[in-house]
């Protein structure tokens, strides 16, 4: 039920909106696709979100929470959900590198996603990121 609404919003944003709005809508669509079991759509929308950053337009003021770091986090989550943990690790590290120091809650989310991605091949290393996520929450 959400996909048609997201398609309509993306269609509108194509002509009236900025690059971050377009990217954010694709990220939301990517996450919805991930949760509804359509992996091809998940990755497609994540990639379209990245491509949207090179478009023009003016973003709404209310979209101040979304930036390239958040996009990298969405991409990493999408890659994790569709079974590409190695790609997810790269994207999630990029998200961590780009996150502002004040983004503690988001940093915890990304650290836990990174732990899940690493659990596939190196559970002990993944647990290090779980500990970092909990330390971040205490700050």
N, C-alpha and C. Protein backbone atom coordinates (compact mmCIF):
# COMPACT_ATOMS: atom_id res chain seq x y z
N UNK A 1 0.82 -1.19 0.00
CA UNK A 1 0.00 0.00 0.00
C UNK A 1 0.86 1.25 0.00
N UNK A 2 2.05 1.19 0.58
CA UNK A 2 2.91 2.38 0.65
C UNK A 2 3.59 2.68 -0.68
N UNK A 3 3.89 1.65 -1.47
CA UNK A 3 4.65 1.85 -2.70
C UNK A 3 3.99 2.84 -3.66
N UNK A 4 2.68 2.74 -3.94
CA UNK A 4 2.08 3.73 -4.85
C UNK A 4 2.17 5.16 -4.31
N UNK A 5 2.03 5.32 -3.01
CA UNK A 5 2.14 6.66 -2.42
C UNK A 5 3.56 7.19 -2.55
N UNK A 6 4.54 6.33 -2.33
CA UNK A 6 5.93 6.74 -2.48
C UNK A 6 6.27 7.06 -3.93
N UNK A 7 5.72 6.28 -4.86
CA UNK A 7 5.92 6.57 -6.28
C UNK A 7 5.34 7.94 -6.64
N UNK A 8 4.15 8.23 -6.12
CA UNK A 8 3.52 9.53 -6.39
C UNK A 8 4.34 10.66 -5.79
N UNK A 9 4.82 10.47 -4.58
CA UNK A 9 5.64 11.51 -3.93
C UNK A 9 6.93 11.74 -4.71
N UNK A 10 7.56 10.65 -5.15
CA UNK A 10 8.80 10.77 -5.92
C UNK A 10 8.53 11.47 -7.25
N UNK A 11 7.40 11.17 -7.87
CA UNK A 11 7.04 11.83 -9.12
C UNK A 11 6.87 13.33 -8.92
N UNK A 12 6.24 13.71 -7.85
CA UNK A 12 6.06 15.13 -7.54
C UNK A 12 7.40 15.79 -7.23
N UNK A 13 8.23 15.11 -6.46
CA UNK A 13 9.53 15.67 -6.06
C UNK A 13 10.48 15.81 -7.24
N UNK A 14 10.22 15.07 -8.29
CA UNK A 14 11.07 15.16 -9.48
C UNK A 14 11.04 16.59 -10.04
N UNK A 15 9.89 17.25 -9.90
CA UNK A 15 9.73 18.60 -10.46
C UNK A 15 9.68 19.69 -9.40
N UNK A 16 9.40 19.33 -8.18
CA UNK A 16 9.27 20.33 -7.11
C UNK A 16 9.95 19.80 -5.86
N UNK A 17 11.21 20.02 -5.77
CA UNK A 17 11.95 19.54 -4.62
C UNK A 17 13.43 19.54 -4.94
N UNK A 18 14.21 19.24 -3.95
CA UNK A 18 15.65 19.25 -4.13
C UNK A 18 16.26 17.87 -4.06
N UNK A 19 17.56 17.79 -4.19
CA UNK A 19 18.24 16.49 -4.22
C UNK A 19 18.08 15.67 -2.95
N UNK A 20 18.11 16.33 -1.79
CA UNK A 20 17.96 15.57 -0.55
C UNK A 20 16.55 15.02 -0.40
N UNK A 21 15.55 15.77 -0.82
CA UNK A 21 14.17 15.27 -0.77
C UNK A 21 14.02 14.04 -1.65
N UNK A 22 14.53 14.12 -2.87
CA UNK A 22 14.45 12.97 -3.79
C UNK A 22 15.19 11.77 -3.20
N UNK A 23 16.38 12.01 -2.68
CA UNK A 23 17.17 10.92 -2.10
C UNK A 23 16.45 10.31 -0.91
N UNK A 24 15.89 11.14 -0.05
CA UNK A 24 15.18 10.64 1.14
C UNK A 24 13.98 9.79 0.74
N UNK A 25 13.21 10.24 -0.25
CA UNK A 25 12.06 9.45 -0.69
C UNK A 25 12.50 8.09 -1.22
N UNK A 26 13.59 8.05 -1.98
CA UNK A 26 14.10 6.76 -2.46
C UNK A 26 14.58 5.89 -1.30
N UNK A 27 15.18 6.51 -0.29
CA UNK A 27 15.61 5.74 0.89
C UNK A 27 14.42 5.13 1.62
N UNK A 28 13.38 5.91 1.79
CA UNK A 28 12.17 5.38 2.44
C UNK A 28 11.60 4.23 1.62
N UNK A 29 11.55 4.41 0.30
CA UNK A 29 11.04 3.35 -0.57
C UNK A 29 11.94 2.12 -0.49
N UNK A 30 13.23 2.32 -0.39
CA UNK A 30 14.17 1.21 -0.25
C UNK A 30 13.90 0.43 1.03
N UNK A 31 13.67 1.15 2.12
CA UNK A 31 13.42 0.46 3.39
C UNK A 31 12.08 -0.27 3.37
N UNK A 32 11.07 0.33 2.78
CA UNK A 32 9.76 -0.34 2.66
C UNK A 32 9.93 -1.60 1.82
N UNK A 33 10.67 -1.51 0.73
CA UNK A 33 10.90 -2.69 -0.12
C UNK A 33 11.65 -3.77 0.64
N UNK A 34 12.62 -3.37 1.45
CA UNK A 34 13.37 -4.35 2.24
C UNK A 34 12.46 -5.08 3.20
N UNK A 35 11.55 -4.35 3.80
CA UNK A 35 10.66 -4.96 4.80
C UNK A 35 9.52 -5.76 4.18
N UNK A 36 9.28 -5.56 2.89
CA UNK A 36 8.20 -6.30 2.23
C UNK A 36 8.72 -7.38 1.29
N UNK A 37 10.02 -7.66 1.37
CA UNK A 37 10.57 -8.80 0.64
C UNK A 37 10.76 -8.60 -0.85
N UNK A 38 11.08 -7.39 -1.28
CA UNK A 38 11.37 -7.15 -2.69
C UNK A 38 12.80 -6.62 -2.81
N UNK A 39 13.78 -7.53 -2.72
CA UNK A 39 15.19 -7.11 -2.68
C UNK A 39 15.66 -6.32 -3.90
N UNK A 40 15.18 -6.65 -5.08
CA UNK A 40 15.62 -5.91 -6.26
C UNK A 40 15.20 -4.45 -6.16
N UNK A 41 13.99 -4.21 -5.67
CA UNK A 41 13.51 -2.83 -5.48
C UNK A 41 14.30 -2.13 -4.38
N UNK A 42 14.67 -2.88 -3.36
CA UNK A 42 15.43 -2.32 -2.25
C UNK A 42 16.72 -1.69 -2.75
N UNK A 43 17.49 -2.45 -3.49
CA UNK A 43 18.78 -1.97 -3.98
C UNK A 43 18.58 -0.89 -5.05
N UNK A 44 17.59 -1.07 -5.92
CA UNK A 44 17.34 -0.08 -6.98
C UNK A 44 17.06 1.29 -6.37
N UNK A 45 16.19 1.33 -5.37
CA UNK A 45 15.86 2.62 -4.76
C UNK A 45 17.04 3.19 -3.97
N UNK A 46 17.83 2.34 -3.36
CA UNK A 46 19.02 2.83 -2.65
C UNK A 46 19.99 3.48 -3.64
N UNK A 47 20.18 2.87 -4.78
CA UNK A 47 21.08 3.44 -5.80
C UNK A 47 20.49 4.73 -6.38
N UNK A 48 19.17 4.75 -6.59
CA UNK A 48 18.53 5.97 -7.10
C UNK A 48 18.67 7.10 -6.08
N UNK A 49 18.66 6.76 -4.82
CA UNK A 49 18.86 7.78 -3.78
C UNK A 49 20.24 8.41 -3.94
N UNK A 50 21.25 7.59 -4.15
CA UNK A 50 22.61 8.13 -4.36
C UNK A 50 22.65 9.02 -5.60
N UNK A 51 22.03 8.56 -6.68
CA UNK A 51 22.02 9.33 -7.92
C UNK A 51 21.28 10.66 -7.76
N UNK A 52 20.30 10.69 -6.88
CA UNK A 52 19.50 11.90 -6.68
C UNK A 52 20.32 13.06 -6.14
N UNK A 53 21.40 12.75 -5.45
CA UNK A 53 22.22 13.83 -4.87
C UNK A 53 22.84 14.74 -5.92
N UNK A 54 22.94 14.26 -7.14
CA UNK A 54 23.55 15.08 -8.20
C UNK A 54 22.51 15.90 -8.96
N UNK A 55 21.25 15.88 -8.50
CA UNK A 55 20.21 16.66 -9.17
C UNK A 55 20.13 18.06 -8.58
N UNK A 56 19.30 18.88 -9.18
CA UNK A 56 19.16 20.27 -8.74
C UNK A 56 17.80 20.50 -8.10
N UNK A 57 17.70 21.61 -7.43
CA UNK A 57 16.45 22.01 -6.81
C UNK A 57 16.68 22.47 -5.39
N UNK A 58 15.61 22.91 -4.77
CA UNK A 58 15.70 23.42 -3.41
C UNK A 58 14.97 22.47 -2.46
N UNK A 59 15.65 22.09 -1.41
CA UNK A 59 15.07 21.18 -0.42
C UNK A 59 14.25 21.94 0.61
N UNK A 60 13.21 21.31 1.13
CA UNK A 60 12.41 21.97 2.16
C UNK A 60 13.20 22.09 3.47
N UNK A 61 12.88 23.11 4.24
CA UNK A 61 13.59 23.34 5.51
C UNK A 61 13.42 22.19 6.49
N UNK A 62 12.27 21.53 6.47
CA UNK A 62 12.00 20.47 7.44
C UNK A 62 12.88 19.24 7.24
N UNK A 63 13.57 19.17 6.11
CA UNK A 63 14.38 17.99 5.80
C UNK A 63 15.80 18.13 6.36
N UNK A 64 15.97 18.88 7.42
CA UNK A 64 17.29 19.14 7.97
C UNK A 64 17.95 17.92 8.62
N UNK A 65 17.21 16.86 8.82
CA UNK A 65 17.74 15.65 9.46
C UNK A 65 18.43 14.71 8.48
N UNK A 66 18.24 14.92 7.18
CA UNK A 66 18.74 13.98 6.18
C UNK A 66 19.94 14.58 5.47
N UNK A 67 20.98 13.76 5.32
CA UNK A 67 22.22 14.21 4.68
C UNK A 67 22.93 12.99 4.08
N UNK A 68 24.07 13.18 3.42
CA UNK A 68 24.78 12.04 2.82
C UNK A 68 25.14 10.93 3.82
N UNK A 69 25.40 11.29 5.07
CA UNK A 69 25.70 10.25 6.08
C UNK A 69 24.48 9.36 6.30
N UNK A 70 23.31 9.97 6.40
CA UNK A 70 22.08 9.19 6.58
C UNK A 70 21.81 8.32 5.36
N UNK A 71 22.10 8.87 4.18
CA UNK A 71 21.94 8.10 2.95
C UNK A 71 22.84 6.87 2.97
N UNK A 72 24.09 7.03 3.38
CA UNK A 72 25.01 5.88 3.46
C UNK A 72 24.49 4.85 4.45
N UNK A 73 23.89 5.30 5.53
CA UNK A 73 23.29 4.37 6.50
C UNK A 73 22.13 3.60 5.91
N UNK A 74 21.26 4.29 5.17
CA UNK A 74 20.14 3.62 4.49
C UNK A 74 20.67 2.59 3.50
N UNK A 75 21.68 2.98 2.72
CA UNK A 75 22.25 2.07 1.74
C UNK A 75 22.82 0.84 2.42
N UNK A 76 23.57 1.03 3.50
CA UNK A 76 24.14 -0.10 4.23
C UNK A 76 23.07 -1.03 4.77
N UNK A 77 22.00 -0.45 5.32
CA UNK A 77 20.89 -1.26 5.82
C UNK A 77 20.27 -2.06 4.67
N UNK A 78 20.06 -1.42 3.53
CA UNK A 78 19.47 -2.10 2.38
C UNK A 78 20.34 -3.26 1.93
N UNK A 79 21.64 -3.01 1.85
CA UNK A 79 22.56 -4.07 1.44
C UNK A 79 22.56 -5.22 2.44
N UNK A 80 22.47 -4.91 3.70
CA UNK A 80 22.41 -5.95 4.74
C UNK A 80 21.16 -6.80 4.58
N UNK A 81 20.03 -6.16 4.39
CA UNK A 81 18.75 -6.87 4.30
C UNK A 81 18.69 -7.79 3.08
N UNK A 82 19.32 -7.39 1.98
CA UNK A 82 19.26 -8.22 0.77
C UNK A 82 20.39 -9.24 0.71
N UNK A 83 21.14 -9.39 1.82
CA UNK A 83 22.14 -10.45 1.88
C UNK A 83 23.49 -10.10 1.29
N UNK A 84 23.85 -8.82 1.33
CA UNK A 84 25.16 -8.39 0.84
C UNK A 84 25.93 -7.73 1.99
N UNK A 85 26.29 -8.54 3.00
CA UNK A 85 26.91 -7.96 4.20
C UNK A 85 28.25 -7.28 3.94
N UNK A 86 29.05 -7.77 3.01
CA UNK A 86 30.34 -7.13 2.74
C UNK A 86 30.14 -5.72 2.19
N UNK A 87 29.18 -5.56 1.29
CA UNK A 87 28.85 -4.22 0.77
C UNK A 87 28.29 -3.35 1.88
N UNK A 88 27.47 -3.95 2.74
CA UNK A 88 26.87 -3.20 3.85
C UNK A 88 27.95 -2.65 4.78
N UNK A 89 28.97 -3.44 5.05
CA UNK A 89 30.06 -2.99 5.93
C UNK A 89 30.71 -1.73 5.36
N UNK A 90 30.95 -1.71 4.06
CA UNK A 90 31.58 -0.54 3.42
C UNK A 90 30.68 0.68 3.56
N UNK A 91 29.41 0.53 3.23
CA UNK A 91 28.48 1.66 3.30
C UNK A 91 28.29 2.15 4.73
N UNK A 92 28.21 1.23 5.66
CA UNK A 92 28.00 1.62 7.06
C UNK A 92 29.23 2.30 7.65
N UNK A 93 30.41 1.87 7.26
CA UNK A 93 31.62 2.58 7.70
C UNK A 93 31.63 4.00 7.13
N UNK A 94 31.21 4.14 5.87
CA UNK A 94 31.12 5.46 5.26
C UNK A 94 30.14 6.34 6.04
N UNK A 95 29.02 5.76 6.44
CA UNK A 95 28.03 6.51 7.23
C UNK A 95 28.65 6.97 8.54
N UNK A 96 29.35 6.08 9.22
CA UNK A 96 29.98 6.46 10.50
C UNK A 96 31.00 7.58 10.31
N UNK A 97 31.77 7.49 9.24
CA UNK A 97 32.79 8.52 8.98
C UNK A 97 32.16 9.88 8.73
N UNK A 98 30.96 9.89 8.17
CA UNK A 98 30.32 11.15 7.78
C UNK A 98 29.38 11.71 8.84
N UNK A 99 29.00 10.90 9.81
CA UNK A 99 28.04 11.36 10.82
C UNK A 99 28.64 12.45 11.70
N UNK A 100 27.83 13.43 11.99
CA UNK A 100 28.19 14.51 12.90
C UNK A 100 28.32 13.95 14.31
N UNK A 101 29.20 14.52 15.10
CA UNK A 101 29.40 14.06 16.48
C UNK A 101 28.13 14.16 17.32
N UNK A 102 27.22 15.05 16.95
CA UNK A 102 25.98 15.23 17.72
C UNK A 102 24.90 14.21 17.35
N UNK A 103 25.17 13.36 16.37
CA UNK A 103 24.17 12.39 15.89
C UNK A 103 24.29 11.08 16.66
N UNK A 104 24.23 11.14 17.98
CA UNK A 104 24.45 9.97 18.81
C UNK A 104 23.48 8.83 18.56
N UNK A 105 22.20 9.15 18.47
CA UNK A 105 21.19 8.10 18.25
C UNK A 105 21.43 7.42 16.90
N UNK A 106 21.65 8.21 15.86
CA UNK A 106 21.88 7.64 14.54
C UNK A 106 23.17 6.84 14.52
N UNK A 107 24.19 7.31 15.21
CA UNK A 107 25.46 6.57 15.29
C UNK A 107 25.22 5.19 15.91
N UNK A 108 24.39 5.12 16.95
CA UNK A 108 24.07 3.83 17.58
C UNK A 108 23.37 2.90 16.61
N UNK A 109 22.43 3.44 15.84
CA UNK A 109 21.71 2.62 14.85
C UNK A 109 22.69 2.06 13.82
N UNK A 110 23.57 2.91 13.31
CA UNK A 110 24.53 2.47 12.30
C UNK A 110 25.51 1.45 12.89
N UNK A 111 25.94 1.67 14.11
CA UNK A 111 26.85 0.71 14.76
C UNK A 111 26.20 -0.66 14.91
N UNK A 112 24.92 -0.69 15.26
CA UNK A 112 24.22 -1.98 15.40
C UNK A 112 24.02 -2.65 14.04
N UNK A 113 23.72 -1.87 13.00
CA UNK A 113 23.63 -2.44 11.65
C UNK A 113 24.99 -3.00 11.23
N UNK A 114 26.05 -2.27 11.55
CA UNK A 114 27.40 -2.74 11.23
C UNK A 114 27.72 -4.03 11.98
N UNK A 115 27.32 -4.11 13.23
CA UNK A 115 27.52 -5.34 14.00
C UNK A 115 26.80 -6.51 13.34
N UNK A 116 25.59 -6.28 12.88
CA UNK A 116 24.82 -7.34 12.21
C UNK A 116 25.51 -7.77 10.92
N UNK A 117 26.03 -6.81 10.17
CA UNK A 117 26.71 -7.14 8.91
C UNK A 117 27.99 -7.93 9.17
N UNK A 118 28.71 -7.57 10.21
CA UNK A 118 29.96 -8.28 10.53
C UNK A 118 29.71 -9.64 11.17
N UNK A 119 28.57 -9.82 11.80
CA UNK A 119 28.27 -11.09 12.47
C UNK A 119 28.34 -12.27 11.53
N UNK A 120 28.13 -12.03 10.26
CA UNK A 120 28.15 -13.10 9.26
C UNK A 120 29.53 -13.73 9.15
N UNK A 121 30.57 -12.89 9.21
CA UNK A 121 31.92 -13.40 8.99
C UNK A 121 32.84 -13.27 10.20
N UNK A 122 32.52 -12.35 11.12
CA UNK A 122 33.40 -12.10 12.25
C UNK A 122 32.57 -11.62 13.44
N UNK A 123 31.90 -12.55 14.08
CA UNK A 123 30.97 -12.22 15.17
C UNK A 123 31.65 -11.46 16.30
N UNK A 124 32.88 -11.83 16.61
CA UNK A 124 33.58 -11.15 17.70
C UNK A 124 33.80 -9.67 17.38
N UNK A 125 34.21 -9.40 16.17
CA UNK A 125 34.39 -8.01 15.74
C UNK A 125 33.04 -7.29 15.75
N UNK A 126 32.00 -7.99 15.34
CA UNK A 126 30.66 -7.41 15.39
C UNK A 126 30.26 -7.01 16.79
N UNK A 127 30.63 -7.82 17.77
CA UNK A 127 30.30 -7.51 19.16
C UNK A 127 31.00 -6.24 19.65
N UNK A 128 32.16 -5.95 19.09
CA UNK A 128 32.83 -4.69 19.42
C UNK A 128 31.95 -3.50 19.05
N UNK A 129 31.27 -3.61 17.92
CA UNK A 129 30.40 -2.52 17.49
C UNK A 129 29.12 -2.45 18.32
N UNK A 130 28.66 -3.60 18.81
CA UNK A 130 27.52 -3.59 19.74
C UNK A 130 27.90 -2.81 20.99
N UNK A 131 29.09 -3.09 21.52
CA UNK A 131 29.55 -2.38 22.72
C UNK A 131 29.67 -0.88 22.46
N UNK A 132 30.18 -0.51 21.30
CA UNK A 132 30.28 0.91 20.96
C UNK A 132 28.90 1.56 20.87
N UNK A 133 27.93 0.82 20.34
CA UNK A 133 26.57 1.35 20.23
C UNK A 133 25.99 1.62 21.61
N UNK A 134 26.19 0.69 22.53
CA UNK A 134 25.68 0.89 23.89
C UNK A 134 26.42 2.02 24.60
N UNK A 135 27.73 2.13 24.37
CA UNK A 135 28.48 3.25 24.93
C UNK A 135 27.95 4.58 24.41
N UNK A 136 27.60 4.60 23.14
CA UNK A 136 27.08 5.82 22.52
C UNK A 136 25.75 6.24 23.15
N UNK A 137 24.92 5.28 23.46
CA UNK A 137 23.62 5.58 24.06
C UNK A 137 23.79 6.18 25.45
N UNK A 138 24.82 5.76 26.16
CA UNK A 138 25.07 6.27 27.51
C UNK A 138 25.58 7.70 27.52
N UNK A 139 26.10 8.17 26.39
CA UNK A 139 26.69 9.52 26.34
C UNK A 139 25.64 10.58 26.52
